[in-house]
Amino acid sequence: MQLEHTLIRSPVDGIVINRAVDRGQTVAASLQAPVLFTLAQDLRQIHLEVSVDEADIGGITEGQQSRFTVDAYPDRVFKGEVVQIRKQPIEISGVVTYVIIVGTQNVDQSLMPGMTASVEIVLGQRQDALKVSSQALRFKPAGFKHSDSGASARGSGRERMRSMIKDLAEKLELSEEQLSSVESIYAEMGQSIRGLREAGTGSDEFREAIRQLRTQAAQRVAQLLESDQKKRYRLMRAEAKSGSYRRENVWVLDGGKPVAVGLTVGISDSTHTEIVRGDIAQGTQVIVGLSLDGS
């Protein structure tokens, strides 16, 4: 026995959170090294393993902010950031989920390993946005037909493209050279879209072609960016995917009759929805439903 010459060192400095052996217990050598202790290297920084449904994983990207609660502190909201998206699918009873890693600071070490957390990922944020009740967007008066709706709030393709380029220039702080290249990329995409329309491409084929053109344009734009710009651009694309602009109607009373007002709306928290464009002012009363007496 060379016990007096044997020295066992921990591979990291940290806190022992589990001991699998007792003093005096025999530890047999084998092809797989036995686990003696489980160590937490630094409890001031915690990683959460979050299961995300396959239907939602497309809207998740690294760098997104998150907030979560744990049962131990129900009145306290913790904040974190998505640091990794794991590609390995997990299938249980036919339900496929993916694991994402959310990192958070745990300076006071109130969070402990093994806690169960309820996590929300922030897909998009707006400051000082005009918003409307989501219930108002779902309301349709009796006998409604799409031809009854008000004028479309959707601008021309060129207007939307100019707005998109302006948004990129401001949020990504593009240089003049980058901005010129981005404008060329979107100009080429616009020409391709007009060519598809003029060729009379079928609706399904047209939508798929548009999707591919947008993906290609996004990849070309990303190649122009610096590392910090790429992170911001990735977050912008994830936000746009989760709250893509769409046309909706809200209804207001005019002379005692419901009249449609066309809007372009964006992101939503299920309770309220952002108004991007539309002929409506703050404080305007909109219809959210009818009472039983029809009023």
Protein backbone atom coordinates (compact mmCIF):
# COMPACT_ATOMS: atom_id res chain seq x y z
CA MET A 1 0.00 0.00 0.00
CA GLN A 2 1.28 3.45 -0.94
CA LEU A 3 -1.49 5.36 0.85
CA GLU A 4 0.96 7.74 2.48
CA HIS A 5 2.21 8.65 -0.98
CA THR A 6 -1.28 9.19 -2.41
CA LEU A 7 -2.66 12.71 -2.79
CA ILE A 8 -6.19 13.40 -4.05
CA ARG A 9 -6.89 16.93 -5.27
CA SER A 10 -10.14 18.54 -6.39
CA PRO A 11 -9.97 19.61 -10.04
CA VAL A 12 -11.61 22.94 -9.17
CA ASP A 13 -12.13 25.24 -6.23
CA GLY A 14 -15.74 25.20 -5.15
CA ILE A 15 -18.40 23.91 -2.81
CA VAL A 16 -19.21 20.24 -2.27
CA ILE A 17 -22.92 19.81 -2.96
CA ASN A 18 -22.97 15.99 -2.86
CA ARG A 19 -20.76 13.30 -1.32
CA ALA A 20 -21.21 9.79 -2.77
CA VAL A 21 -18.76 7.99 -0.45
CA ASP A 22 -18.12 7.74 3.29
CA ARG A 23 -14.85 7.66 5.14
CA GLY A 24 -13.42 4.16 5.20
CA GLN A 25 -15.47 2.95 2.25
CA THR A 26 -13.62 0.87 -0.34
CA VAL A 27 -13.39 2.43 -3.77
CA ALA A 28 -12.68 -0.10 -6.50
CA ALA A 29 -10.86 0.85 -9.68
CA SER A 30 -12.81 0.13 -12.87
CA LEU A 31 -13.06 1.21 -16.50
CA GLN A 32 -15.30 4.08 -15.39
CA ALA A 33 -14.05 6.29 -12.61
CA PRO A 34 -16.55 6.45 -9.72
CA VAL A 35 -18.04 9.78 -8.66
CA LEU A 36 -16.82 10.64 -5.18
CA PHE A 37 -18.00 14.22 -4.81
CA THR A 38 -20.09 16.64 -6.83
CA LEU A 39 -18.68 20.15 -6.76
CA ALA A 40 -20.18 23.52 -7.65
CA GLN A 41 -17.33 25.65 -8.93
CA ASP A 42 -18.89 29.08 -8.29
CA LEU A 43 -22.42 29.47 -6.97
CA ARG A 44 -22.29 33.21 -7.67
CA GLN A 45 -23.01 32.34 -11.30
CA ILE A 46 -25.85 29.94 -12.04
CA HIS A 47 -26.90 28.24 -15.27
CA LEU A 48 -30.52 27.20 -15.75
CA GLU A 49 -31.46 24.33 -18.06
CA VAL A 50 -34.75 25.39 -19.65
CA SER A 51 -36.93 23.05 -21.73
CA VAL A 52 -38.46 24.79 -24.76
CA ASP A 53 -41.15 23.27 -26.97
CA GLU A 54 -40.14 22.65 -30.58
CA ALA A 55 -42.86 25.07 -31.74
CA ASP A 56 -41.17 27.91 -29.83
CA ILE A 57 -37.47 27.14 -30.29
CA GLY A 58 -37.34 29.02 -33.61
CA GLY A 59 -37.84 32.32 -31.77
CA ILE A 60 -35.00 31.74 -29.31
CA THR A 61 -31.48 33.03 -29.92
CA GLU A 62 -28.38 33.63 -27.82
CA GLY A 63 -28.29 36.98 -26.07
CA GLN A 64 -32.02 37.26 -25.39
CA GLN A 65 -32.94 38.47 -21.93
CA SER A 66 -35.06 36.37 -19.59
CA ARG A 67 -36.77 36.62 -16.25
CA PHE A 68 -37.71 33.82 -13.89
CA THR A 69 -39.07 32.99 -10.47
CA VAL A 70 -38.48 30.10 -8.07
CA ASP A 71 -40.82 28.69 -5.44
CA ALA A 72 -38.46 29.66 -2.63
CA TYR A 73 -38.87 33.38 -3.46
CA PRO A 74 -42.27 33.75 -5.15
CA ASP A 75 -42.25 37.57 -4.94
CA ARG A 76 -38.79 38.00 -6.39
CA VAL A 77 -38.05 38.17 -10.13
CA PHE A 78 -34.57 37.13 -11.26
CA LYS A 79 -33.02 38.15 -14.58
CA GLY A 80 -30.79 36.18 -16.92
CA GLU A 81 -29.58 35.83 -20.49
CA VAL A 82 -29.73 32.99 -23.02
CA VAL A 83 -26.12 31.79 -23.42
CA GLN A 84 -26.56 28.52 -25.29
CA ILE A 85 -29.08 26.58 -27.37
CA ARG A 86 -28.49 22.83 -27.37
CA LYS A 87 -29.30 20.96 -30.56
CA GLN A 88 -30.07 17.56 -29.02
CA PRO A 89 -33.86 16.96 -29.06
CA ILE A 90 -35.55 15.37 -26.07
CA GLU A 91 -38.67 13.35 -26.86
CA ILE A 92 -41.06 12.30 -24.10
CA SER A 93 -44.44 10.74 -25.00
CA GLY A 94 -44.21 12.17 -28.52
CA VAL A 95 -43.48 15.72 -27.27
CA VAL A 96 -40.18 17.15 -28.52
CA THR A 97 -38.36 19.81 -26.52
CA TYR A 98 -34.93 21.42 -26.65
CA VAL A 99 -32.74 22.60 -23.79
CA ILE A 100 -31.47 26.16 -23.66
CA ILE A 101 -29.03 27.46 -21.07
CA VAL A 102 -29.85 30.69 -19.25
CA GLY A 103 -27.07 32.31 -17.26
CA THR A 104 -27.71 34.55 -14.27
CA GLN A 105 -25.82 36.27 -11.47
CA ASN A 106 -26.32 34.82 -7.98
CA VAL A 107 -24.25 37.23 -5.93
CA ASP A 108 -26.17 36.65 -2.69
CA GLN A 109 -26.24 32.88 -3.38
CA SER A 110 -29.96 32.71 -2.74
CA LEU A 111 -30.38 30.39 -5.74
CA MET A 112 -29.29 26.81 -5.11
CA PRO A 113 -28.67 23.86 -7.45
CA GLY A 114 -31.73 21.78 -8.28
CA MET A 115 -34.33 24.52 -7.81
CA THR A 116 -37.28 24.52 -10.19
CA ALA A 117 -37.75 27.81 -12.04
CA SER A 118 -40.55 29.28 -14.16
CA VAL A 119 -38.80 31.09 -17.00
CA GLU A 120 -39.96 33.72 -19.49
CA ILE A 121 -37.82 34.62 -22.50
CA VAL A 122 -38.10 38.23 -23.65
CA LEU A 123 -38.56 38.01 -27.43
CA GLY A 124 -39.13 41.72 -28.02
CA GLN A 125 -39.45 45.03 -26.20
CA ARG A 126 -40.96 48.40 -27.09
CA GLN A 127 -40.67 51.69 -25.27
CA ASP A 128 -43.54 54.22 -25.33
CA ALA A 129 -45.48 52.08 -27.83
CA LEU A 130 -49.10 52.69 -28.80
CA LYS A 131 -50.97 49.50 -27.91
CA VAL A 132 -54.46 48.05 -28.14
CA SER A 133 -56.26 45.29 -26.31
CA SER A 134 -55.70 41.95 -28.07
CA GLN A 135 -59.36 41.19 -27.42
CA ALA A 136 -60.30 44.12 -29.68
CA LEU A 137 -58.34 42.53 -32.54
CA ARG A 138 -60.33 39.31 -32.14
CA PHE A 139 -63.72 41.06 -32.25
CA LYS A 140 -65.76 40.76 -35.49
CA PRO A 141 -69.30 42.16 -35.78
CA ALA A 142 -72.11 39.94 -37.02
CA GLY A 143 -72.14 39.61 -40.80
CA PHE A 144 -68.60 40.87 -41.17
CA LYS A 145 -66.93 40.35 -44.53
CA HIS A 146 -63.35 41.20 -45.43
CA SER A 147 -64.65 43.60 -48.04
CA ASP A 148 -66.24 45.62 -45.21
CA SER A 149 -62.88 46.40 -43.64
CA GLY A 150 -61.34 49.85 -43.70
CA ALA A 151 -58.44 50.90 -45.82
CA SER A 152 -55.37 48.76 -45.39
CA ALA A 153 -52.73 50.16 -43.08
CA ARG A 154 -50.06 48.32 -44.96
CA GLY A 155 -47.75 50.61 -46.89
CA SER A 156 -46.13 49.86 -50.18
CA GLY A 157 -43.27 47.41 -50.40
CA ARG A 158 -40.80 50.23 -51.00
CA GLU A 159 -41.96 52.08 -47.88
CA ARG A 160 -41.59 48.97 -45.74
CA MET A 161 -38.13 48.31 -47.17
CA ARG A 162 -37.00 51.89 -46.51
CA SER A 163 -38.33 51.62 -42.97
CA MET A 164 -36.46 48.33 -42.47
CA ILE A 165 -33.17 49.77 -43.76
CA LYS A 166 -33.56 52.85 -41.53
CA ASP A 167 -34.19 50.58 -38.54
CA LEU A 168 -31.06 48.56 -39.29
CA ALA A 169 -28.95 51.69 -39.73
CA GLU A 170 -30.06 53.13 -36.38
CA LYS A 171 -30.01 49.99 -34.23
CA LEU A 172 -26.83 48.49 -35.69
CA GLU A 173 -25.03 51.84 -36.12
CA LEU A 174 -24.04 50.99 -39.68
CA SER A 175 -21.12 52.75 -41.32
CA GLU A 176 -21.70 54.49 -44.66
CA GLU A 177 -20.06 51.59 -46.47
CA GLN A 178 -22.20 49.03 -44.64
CA LEU A 179 -25.36 51.05 -45.26
CA SER A 180 -24.62 51.27 -48.98
CA SER A 181 -24.13 47.50 -49.18
CA VAL A 182 -27.35 46.84 -47.22
CA GLU A 183 -29.31 49.12 -49.56
CA SER A 184 -27.92 47.20 -52.56
CA ILE A 185 -28.89 43.85 -51.02
CA TYR A 186 -32.48 44.93 -50.38
CA ALA A 187 -32.73 46.59 -53.79
CA GLU A 188 -31.79 43.28 -55.41
CA MET A 189 -34.34 41.47 -53.26
CA GLY A 190 -37.02 43.96 -54.29
CA GLN A 191 -36.24 43.41 -57.98
CA SER A 192 -36.52 39.63 -57.50
CA ILE A 193 -39.90 40.00 -55.78
CA ARG A 194 -41.22 42.22 -58.57
CA GLY A 195 -40.03 39.63 -61.10
CA LEU A 196 -41.96 36.91 -59.26
CA ARG A 197 -45.12 39.02 -59.27
CA GLU A 198 -44.81 39.84 -62.97
CA ALA A 199 -44.30 36.14 -63.77
CA GLY A 200 -47.63 35.34 -62.07
CA THR A 201 -46.07 32.91 -59.58
CA GLY A 202 -48.64 30.85 -57.63
CA SER A 203 -49.41 31.90 -54.06
CA ASP A 204 -47.74 28.96 -52.27
CA GLU A 205 -44.69 29.06 -54.53
CA PHE A 206 -44.56 32.85 -54.17
CA ARG A 207 -44.56 32.69 -50.36
CA GLU A 208 -41.78 30.09 -50.34
CA ALA A 209 -39.71 32.14 -52.79
CA ILE A 210 -40.17 35.26 -50.64
CA ARG A 211 -39.05 33.33 -47.57
CA GLN A 212 -35.91 32.13 -49.32
CA LEU A 213 -35.10 35.62 -50.65
CA ARG A 214 -35.43 37.11 -47.17
CA THR A 215 -33.23 34.39 -45.67
CA GLN A 216 -30.56 34.95 -48.31
CA ALA A 217 -30.69 38.72 -47.80
CA ALA A 218 -30.34 38.29 -44.02
CA GLN A 219 -27.31 36.03 -44.47
CA ARG A 220 -25.66 38.57 -46.79
CA VAL A 221 -26.35 41.40 -44.34
CA ALA A 222 -24.87 39.36 -41.46
CA GLN A 223 -21.64 38.91 -43.42
CA LEU A 224 -21.17 42.69 -43.50
CA LEU A 225 -21.38 43.13 -39.73
CA GLU A 226 -18.87 43.17 -36.90
CA SER A 227 -19.26 40.71 -34.00
CA ASP A 228 -21.23 43.10 -31.74
CA GLN A 229 -23.44 44.14 -34.65
CA LYS A 230 -24.10 40.48 -35.48
CA LYS A 231 -25.36 39.86 -31.95
CA ARG A 232 -27.75 42.82 -32.15
CA TYR A 233 -28.86 41.77 -35.64
CA ARG A 234 -29.55 38.23 -34.42
CA LEU A 235 -31.74 39.63 -31.62
CA MET A 236 -33.55 41.92 -34.10
CA ARG A 237 -34.34 38.99 -36.39
CA ALA A 238 -35.59 36.86 -33.49
CA GLU A 239 -37.83 39.72 -32.36
CA ALA A 240 -39.16 40.24 -35.89
CA LYS A 241 -39.90 36.53 -36.21
CA SER A 242 -41.85 36.45 -32.94
CA GLY A 243 -43.87 39.59 -33.71
CA SER A 244 -43.92 39.93 -37.47
CA TYR A 245 -46.05 42.82 -38.69
CA ARG A 246 -49.54 41.85 -39.83
CA ARG A 247 -52.72 43.60 -40.87
CA GLU A 248 -55.66 43.61 -38.45
CA ASN A 249 -58.85 45.57 -37.87
CA VAL A 250 -60.28 47.15 -34.77
CA TRP A 251 -63.84 48.44 -34.66
CA VAL A 252 -65.03 51.80 -33.38
CA LEU A 253 -68.53 53.24 -33.09
CA ASP A 254 -69.42 55.89 -35.66
CA GLY A 255 -73.01 57.07 -35.56
CA GLY A 256 -73.95 54.07 -33.44
CA LYS A 257 -72.56 51.60 -35.99
CA PRO A 258 -69.27 49.65 -35.88
CA VAL A 259 -66.71 50.89 -38.39
CA ALA A 260 -63.45 49.08 -39.13
CA VAL A 261 -60.11 50.81 -38.72
CA GLY A 262 -57.19 49.09 -40.45
CA LEU A 263 -53.99 48.70 -38.42
CA THR A 264 -50.56 47.20 -38.80
CA VAL A 265 -49.70 45.49 -35.52
CA GLY A 266 -46.50 43.99 -34.12
CA ILE A 267 -45.44 42.20 -30.96
CA SER A 268 -47.89 41.14 -28.28
CA ASP A 269 -47.84 39.93 -24.68
CA SER A 270 -51.21 38.17 -25.23
CA THR A 271 -53.02 40.93 -23.32
CA HIS A 272 -52.03 43.93 -25.44
CA THR A 273 -50.65 44.28 -28.96
CA GLU A 274 -48.36 46.96 -30.38
CA ILE A 275 -49.79 49.30 -33.04
CA VAL A 276 -47.13 50.00 -35.68
CA ARG A 277 -49.24 52.02 -38.11
CA GLY A 278 -52.86 53.01 -38.39
CA ASP A 279 -55.29 55.91 -38.34
CA ILE A 280 -56.02 55.73 -34.64
CA ALA A 281 -55.07 57.93 -31.70
CA GLN A 282 -54.29 57.28 -28.07
CA GLY A 283 -57.48 57.16 -26.01
CA THR A 284 -59.73 56.06 -28.90
CA GLN A 285 -62.43 53.69 -27.64
CA VAL A 286 -62.54 50.39 -29.52
CA ILE A 287 -65.06 47.54 -29.38
CA VAL A 288 -63.95 44.41 -27.54
CA GLY A 289 -67.26 42.54 -27.52
CA LEU A 290 -71.04 42.67 -27.30
CA SER A 291 -73.22 42.37 -24.22
CA LEU A 292 -76.05 39.86 -24.04
CA ASP A 293 -78.65 42.49 -24.92
CA GLY A 294 -76.68 43.28 -28.11
CA SER A 295 -75.42 46.69 -26.95
